Protein backbone atom coordinates (compact mmCIF):
# COMPACT_ATOMS: atom_id res chain seq x y z
CA MET A 1 25.00 182.70 -116.76
CA SER A 2 23.64 179.92 -119.02
CA ASN A 3 20.82 177.57 -118.06
CA ASP A 4 23.31 174.70 -117.91
CA ASP A 5 25.41 176.60 -115.39
CA GLU A 6 22.33 177.34 -113.32
CA ASN A 7 21.35 173.67 -113.33
CA ASP A 8 24.89 172.68 -112.27
CA ASP A 9 24.67 175.08 -109.31
CA ILE A 10 21.25 173.71 -108.30
CA ILE A 11 22.41 170.11 -108.55
CA THR A 12 25.53 170.87 -106.54
CA GLU A 13 23.49 172.48 -103.79
CA GLU A 14 21.00 169.60 -103.79
CA MET A 15 23.89 167.17 -103.43
CA LEU A 16 25.14 169.12 -100.42
CA TRP A 17 21.72 168.95 -98.74
CA GLU A 18 21.54 165.22 -99.45
CA ARG A 19 25.00 164.74 -97.97
CA ILE A 20 24.07 166.13 -94.51
CA PRO A 21 22.26 163.02 -93.10
CA GLU A 22 25.01 160.79 -94.54
CA THR A 23 27.88 162.59 -92.80
CA GLU A 24 28.98 163.45 -89.30
CA GLY A 25 31.63 165.42 -87.46
CA GLU A 26 33.98 167.62 -89.43
CA GLU A 27 32.60 166.53 -92.81
CA ARG A 28 29.06 167.49 -91.81
CA ALA A 29 30.29 170.84 -90.45
CA ASN A 30 32.11 171.50 -93.75
CA THR A 31 28.90 170.74 -95.64
CA TYR A 32 26.90 173.20 -93.56
CA TYR A 33 29.61 175.83 -94.09
CA GLU A 34 29.61 175.30 -97.86
CA LEU A 35 25.82 175.59 -98.00
CA SER A 36 26.00 178.75 -95.91
CA ALA A 37 28.48 180.30 -98.34
CA ARG A 38 26.31 179.50 -101.35
CA ILE A 39 23.14 180.83 -99.74
CA TYR A 40 24.98 183.96 -98.52
CA ALA A 41 25.92 184.66 -102.16
CA ARG A 42 22.20 184.68 -102.99
CA GLY A 43 21.52 187.28 -100.30
CA GLN A 44 19.48 184.97 -98.03
CA TYR A 45 21.31 186.03 -94.90
CA ASP A 46 18.95 184.61 -92.27
CA GLU A 47 19.15 181.12 -93.73
CA ALA A 48 22.89 181.41 -94.34
CA LEU A 49 23.36 182.53 -90.72
CA ALA A 50 21.50 179.48 -89.40
CA LEU A 51 23.65 177.16 -91.49
CA ALA A 52 26.87 178.85 -90.37
CA GLU A 53 25.75 178.52 -86.75
CA SER A 54 25.08 174.81 -87.32
CA ALA A 55 28.61 174.44 -88.71
CA ARG A 56 30.03 176.26 -85.67
CA ASP A 57 28.10 174.05 -83.24
CA ILE A 58 29.34 170.85 -84.86
CA TYR A 59 32.95 172.06 -84.98
CA SER A 60 32.70 173.06 -81.29
CA GLU A 61 31.45 169.60 -80.33
CA LEU A 62 34.65 168.05 -81.68
CA GLY A 63 36.47 169.20 -78.53
CA ALA A 64 40.24 168.83 -78.62
CA ASN A 65 40.06 167.60 -82.20
CA VAL A 66 38.38 170.76 -83.47
CA PRO A 67 40.04 172.13 -86.63
CA LYS A 68 40.70 175.76 -85.68
CA GLU A 69 40.56 177.07 -89.23
CA GLY A 70 37.23 175.36 -89.83
CA LEU A 71 35.77 176.79 -86.63
CA ALA A 72 37.19 180.21 -87.53
CA GLN A 73 35.57 180.02 -90.97
CA ALA A 74 32.23 179.29 -89.34
CA TYR A 75 32.59 182.25 -86.97
CA SER A 76 33.59 184.55 -89.82
CA ALA A 77 30.56 183.38 -91.85
CA ILE A 78 28.34 184.12 -88.85
CA GLY A 79 29.94 187.56 -88.64
CA TYR A 80 29.41 188.40 -92.31
CA ASN A 81 25.76 187.34 -92.18
CA LEU A 82 25.10 189.31 -88.98
CA ASN A 83 26.75 192.32 -90.58
CA GLN A 84 24.41 192.09 -93.58
CA LEU A 85 21.50 191.84 -91.16
CA LYS A 86 22.69 195.11 -89.51
CA ARG A 87 23.45 193.34 -86.22
CA ILE A 88 26.85 195.00 -86.09
CA ASN A 89 27.77 194.40 -82.45
CA GLU A 90 27.03 190.67 -82.75
CA ALA A 91 28.89 190.55 -86.07
CA ALA A 92 31.98 192.06 -84.48
CA GLY A 93 31.77 189.62 -81.58
CA ALA A 94 31.69 186.64 -83.93
CA MET A 95 34.49 188.00 -86.12
CA SER A 96 36.68 188.62 -83.07
CA LYS A 97 36.47 184.90 -82.25
CA ALA A 98 37.42 184.04 -85.84
CA VAL A 99 40.45 186.36 -85.68
CA GLU A 100 41.54 184.92 -82.33
CA LEU A 101 41.44 181.36 -83.69
CA LEU A 102 43.25 182.27 -86.90
CA ARG A 103 45.99 184.12 -85.01
CA GLU A 104 46.51 181.01 -82.87
CA SER A 105 46.98 178.90 -86.00
CA LYS A 106 49.25 181.52 -87.64
CA SER A 107 46.88 181.85 -90.60
CA ALA A 108 47.63 184.50 -93.22
CA VAL A 109 43.89 185.23 -93.35
CA ALA A 110 43.91 186.55 -89.77
CA LEU A 111 45.18 190.03 -90.69
CA GLU A 112 42.57 190.54 -93.41
CA LEU A 113 39.73 189.56 -91.08
CA ALA A 114 41.21 191.66 -88.26
CA CYS A 115 41.03 194.75 -90.49
CA THR A 116 37.39 193.96 -91.22
CA LEU A 117 36.79 193.52 -87.49
CA GLY A 118 38.29 196.93 -86.76
CA GLU A 119 35.91 198.54 -89.26
CA TRP A 120 32.97 196.77 -87.63
CA TRP A 121 33.99 197.85 -84.13
CA TYR A 122 34.17 201.40 -85.45
CA ALA A 123 30.75 201.10 -87.13
CA SER A 124 29.26 199.85 -83.87
CA LYS A 125 30.84 202.84 -82.04
CA GLU A 126 33.11 200.59 -80.00
CA TYR A 127 35.99 202.98 -80.60
CA GLU A 128 38.36 201.66 -77.93
CA LYS A 129 38.02 198.14 -79.34
CA ALA A 130 38.57 199.48 -82.86
CA ILE A 131 41.80 201.17 -81.75
CA GLU A 132 43.06 198.06 -79.98
CA CYS A 133 42.31 195.92 -83.02
CA MET A 134 43.84 198.30 -85.58
CA GLU A 135 46.99 198.92 -83.56
CA GLU A 136 47.77 195.21 -83.93
CA CYS A 137 46.98 195.38 -87.64
CA VAL A 138 49.21 198.39 -88.28
CA GLN A 139 52.20 196.68 -86.70
CA GLU A 140 51.68 193.58 -88.83
CA HIS A 141 51.28 195.67 -91.99
CA LEU A 142 54.46 197.60 -91.24
CA VAL A 143 56.41 194.38 -90.65
CA ASP A 144 55.06 193.02 -93.95
CA GLY A 145 55.99 196.25 -95.77
CA ASN A 146 52.33 196.87 -96.67
CA GLU A 147 52.31 200.68 -96.49
CA ILE A 148 48.82 201.15 -97.92
CA GLY A 149 47.44 198.73 -95.34
CA ALA A 150 49.27 200.54 -92.54
CA ALA A 151 48.06 203.92 -93.79
CA ASN A 152 44.44 202.75 -93.76
CA ASP A 153 44.95 201.34 -90.27
CA PHE A 154 46.35 204.63 -88.96
CA HIS A 155 43.45 206.51 -90.55
CA LEU A 156 40.86 204.35 -88.79
CA ILE A 157 42.76 204.70 -85.51
CA GLY A 158 42.66 208.46 -85.98
CA CYS A 159 38.93 208.42 -86.69
CA SER A 160 38.34 206.36 -83.54
CA TYR A 161 40.35 208.75 -81.36
CA ARG A 162 38.52 211.68 -82.98
CA GLU A 163 35.17 210.19 -81.98
CA LEU A 164 36.51 209.78 -78.43
CA LYS A 165 37.54 213.47 -78.54
CA LYS A 166 41.15 212.48 -77.87
CA TYR A 167 42.45 214.96 -80.40
CA ASP A 168 46.19 214.71 -79.65
CA GLN A 169 46.18 210.95 -80.30
CA ALA A 170 43.90 211.40 -83.33
CA LEU A 171 46.20 214.06 -84.77
CA GLU A 172 49.24 211.81 -84.38
CA ALA A 173 47.49 208.92 -86.14
CA PHE A 174 46.26 211.10 -89.02
CA GLN A 175 49.76 212.53 -89.51
CA GLU A 176 51.20 209.00 -89.66
CA ALA A 177 48.55 208.02 -92.21
CA ARG A 178 49.16 211.18 -94.23
CA ALA A 179 52.91 210.56 -94.46
CA LEU A 180 52.34 207.04 -95.74
CA PHE A 181 49.63 208.07 -98.22
CA LYS A 182 51.83 210.92 -99.48
CA GLY A 183 54.73 208.53 -100.06
CA LEU A 184 52.38 206.40 -102.14
CA LYS A 185 51.05 209.49 -103.99
CA GLU A 186 47.49 208.70 -102.89
CA VAL A 187 46.26 212.27 -103.37
CA ILE A 188 42.64 211.82 -102.29
CA HIS A 189 43.65 209.90 -99.17
CA VAL A 190 46.17 212.62 -98.26
CA ALA A 191 43.33 215.15 -98.51
CA ARG A 192 41.10 213.00 -96.31
CA CYS A 193 43.83 213.12 -93.68
CA ASP A 194 44.16 216.89 -94.08
CA GLN A 195 40.42 217.30 -93.53
CA ASN A 196 40.60 215.29 -90.31
CA ILE A 197 43.75 217.10 -89.22
CA ALA A 198 41.88 220.39 -89.69
CA HIS A 199 39.06 219.11 -87.48
CA CYS A 200 41.47 218.10 -84.72
CA LEU A 201 43.36 221.39 -84.88
CA THR A 202 40.10 223.35 -84.68
CA GLU A 203 39.11 221.40 -81.58
CA LYS A 204 42.54 222.11 -80.11
CA GLY A 205 42.16 225.84 -80.83
CA ASP A 206 44.86 226.08 -83.53
CA ALA A 207 43.06 228.30 -86.05
CA GLU A 208 46.00 228.91 -88.37
CA GLY A 209 46.95 225.25 -88.58
CA ALA A 210 43.32 224.27 -89.15
CA LEU A 211 42.95 226.84 -91.93
CA ARG A 212 46.02 225.50 -93.74
CA ALA A 213 44.97 221.86 -93.45
CA ALA A 214 41.35 222.51 -94.45
CA GLN A 215 42.40 224.59 -97.47
CA LYS A 216 44.74 221.82 -98.66
CA ALA A 217 41.91 219.29 -98.43
CA LEU A 218 39.48 221.62 -100.20
CA ASP A 219 41.96 222.27 -103.02
CA VAL A 220 42.28 218.55 -103.72
CA PHE A 221 38.56 217.78 -103.59
CA GLU A 222 37.67 220.76 -105.77
CA THR A 223 40.30 219.73 -108.33
CA ALA A 224 39.06 216.14 -108.28
CA HIS A 225 35.41 217.30 -108.50
CA ASP A 226 34.74 215.15 -105.44
CA HIS A 227 31.74 217.20 -104.38
CA ARG A 228 30.70 215.14 -101.37
CA ARG A 229 34.11 215.38 -99.72
CA GLU A 230 34.38 219.00 -100.86
CA ASN A 231 31.40 219.83 -98.65
CA PHE A 232 33.03 218.31 -95.56
CA ALA A 233 36.31 220.13 -96.25
CA LEU A 234 34.53 223.45 -96.75
CA PHE A 235 32.74 222.95 -93.43
CA GLU A 236 36.09 222.40 -91.69
CA LEU A 237 37.42 225.55 -93.38
CA ALA A 238 34.36 227.47 -92.19
CA LYS A 239 34.88 226.36 -88.58
CA ALA A 240 38.54 227.34 -88.78
CA HIS A 241 37.55 230.81 -90.05
CA VAL A 242 35.16 231.19 -87.11
CA LEU A 243 37.89 230.12 -84.69
CA ASN A 244 40.09 232.78 -86.31
CA ASP A 245 37.35 235.38 -85.64
CA GLN A 246 36.55 235.63 -89.36
CA LEU A 247 32.88 235.26 -88.55
CA ASP A 248 31.41 236.58 -91.79
CA ASP A 249 33.59 234.28 -93.91
CA GLY A 250 32.79 231.30 -91.71
CA LEU A 251 29.06 231.98 -91.73
CA GLN A 252 28.98 232.43 -95.49
CA GLU A 253 30.83 229.13 -96.05
CA MET A 254 28.58 227.26 -93.61
CA GLU A 255 25.46 228.54 -95.35
CA LYS A 256 26.91 227.50 -98.72
CA VAL A 257 27.55 223.97 -97.43
CA LEU A 258 24.08 223.81 -95.88
CA ASP A 259 22.40 224.81 -99.15
CA ILE A 260 24.24 222.06 -101.04
CA VAL A 261 23.75 219.33 -98.43
CA ALA A 262 20.07 220.16 -97.92
CA GLU A 263 19.46 219.62 -101.65
CA SER A 264 21.14 216.22 -101.66
CA GLU A 265 19.26 212.91 -101.51
CA PRO A 266 19.11 211.00 -99.30
CA LYS A 267 19.26 213.66 -96.59
CA ASP A 268 22.19 213.42 -94.20
CA PHE A 269 20.32 214.80 -91.21
CA GLU A 270 23.21 214.34 -88.79
CA PHE A 271 25.48 216.49 -90.97
CA ILE A 272 22.71 219.02 -91.60
CA MET A 273 22.12 219.35 -87.87
CA GLU A 274 25.84 219.73 -87.18
CA ILE A 275 26.05 222.58 -89.70
CA GLU A 276 22.93 224.26 -88.32
CA LYS A 277 24.28 224.11 -84.76
CA GLU A 278 27.50 225.81 -85.86
CA ILE A 279 25.50 228.46 -87.73
CA ALA A 280 23.39 229.12 -84.64
CA SER A 281 26.55 229.54 -82.57
CA VAL A 282 27.94 232.11 -85.01
CA LEU A 283 24.61 233.95 -85.20
CA ARG A 284 24.66 234.40 -81.44
CA ARG A 285 28.18 235.78 -81.57
CA ILE A 286 27.08 238.49 -84.01
CA GLY A 287 23.92 239.37 -82.06
CA ARG A 288 21.31 237.59 -84.21
CA ASP A 289 19.83 235.68 -81.28
CA ALA A 290 16.29 235.41 -82.66
CA GLU A 291 17.52 233.55 -85.76
CA ALA A 292 19.68 231.27 -83.61
CA ASP A 293 16.71 230.50 -81.35
CA GLU A 294 14.61 229.54 -84.38
CA ILE A 295 17.32 227.14 -85.56
CA ASP A 296 17.48 225.55 -82.10
CA ARG A 297 13.70 225.15 -82.06
CA ARG A 298 13.71 223.35 -85.42
CA LEU A 299 16.64 221.13 -84.47
CA GLU A 300 14.86 220.05 -81.30
CA SER A 301 11.99 218.66 -83.39
CA ILE A 302 14.40 216.65 -85.54
CA SER A 303 16.36 215.45 -82.50
CA GLU A 304 13.20 213.95 -81.02
CA VAL A 305 12.79 211.78 -84.11
CA ILE A 306 16.44 210.75 -84.42
CA ASP A 307 16.86 210.03 -80.69
CA GLU A 308 13.75 207.84 -80.67
């Protein structure tokens, strides 16, 4: 960016600040919103949040004359800033109000923000709310003929059901997503579904089905040299082998994944602990209790830190 461009941006922002005491009502709210957007772009999220909240307050004071889209914009700006500040629950709450207002006014932006809201509910571990939100989105995407949008919606629904340990519903959602992704020839996304399908089938006790799904996912990720996803797929394959009483194969694959993940930076301690717990379970099944006890002892020390 040239110096002239920078000066134009500074002057424009100064003019907005100068406009605030000269305006009132909707025009003042619009000015606060515009300032919030500019300051958000600079990464000053606390200040941008305060400005967006000022815009919301002014819009709200307009009563029956409140422009719904303006108020929705203010709520969405509040949500985006709260999200950047890692206040995910509050961000989702603000965005839900924006979506509600935009749906009332039949705005085309409502669906896009609703998808973002679903992701935020999922990130904040509000899985039931994520499902409710995305089920509305998937119907709208299907009506619009947006198959990639619907596929992503189904995938997030599946992930939410998986976290709730409702594996039948999760499996159904992942299969819907897989069919759509396959029709679009989205190979990596099909493999992501296969990996999740393998997880659900393992939890349901279907070893053969889990082995097939996990191997399909692993084949794709290995071919694509997608090493991060390859590790997750290999772990699902290992669990399926254990379920199928192929304990040596499962243990060997788990140890391979653990070696790779433990060398990665930054450390994914939650995944490392999950692998170690599965290894300890297998070790007990083959009579190596002392080694399993040592793993449990180490994991307890890490759990104390993570739980705190």
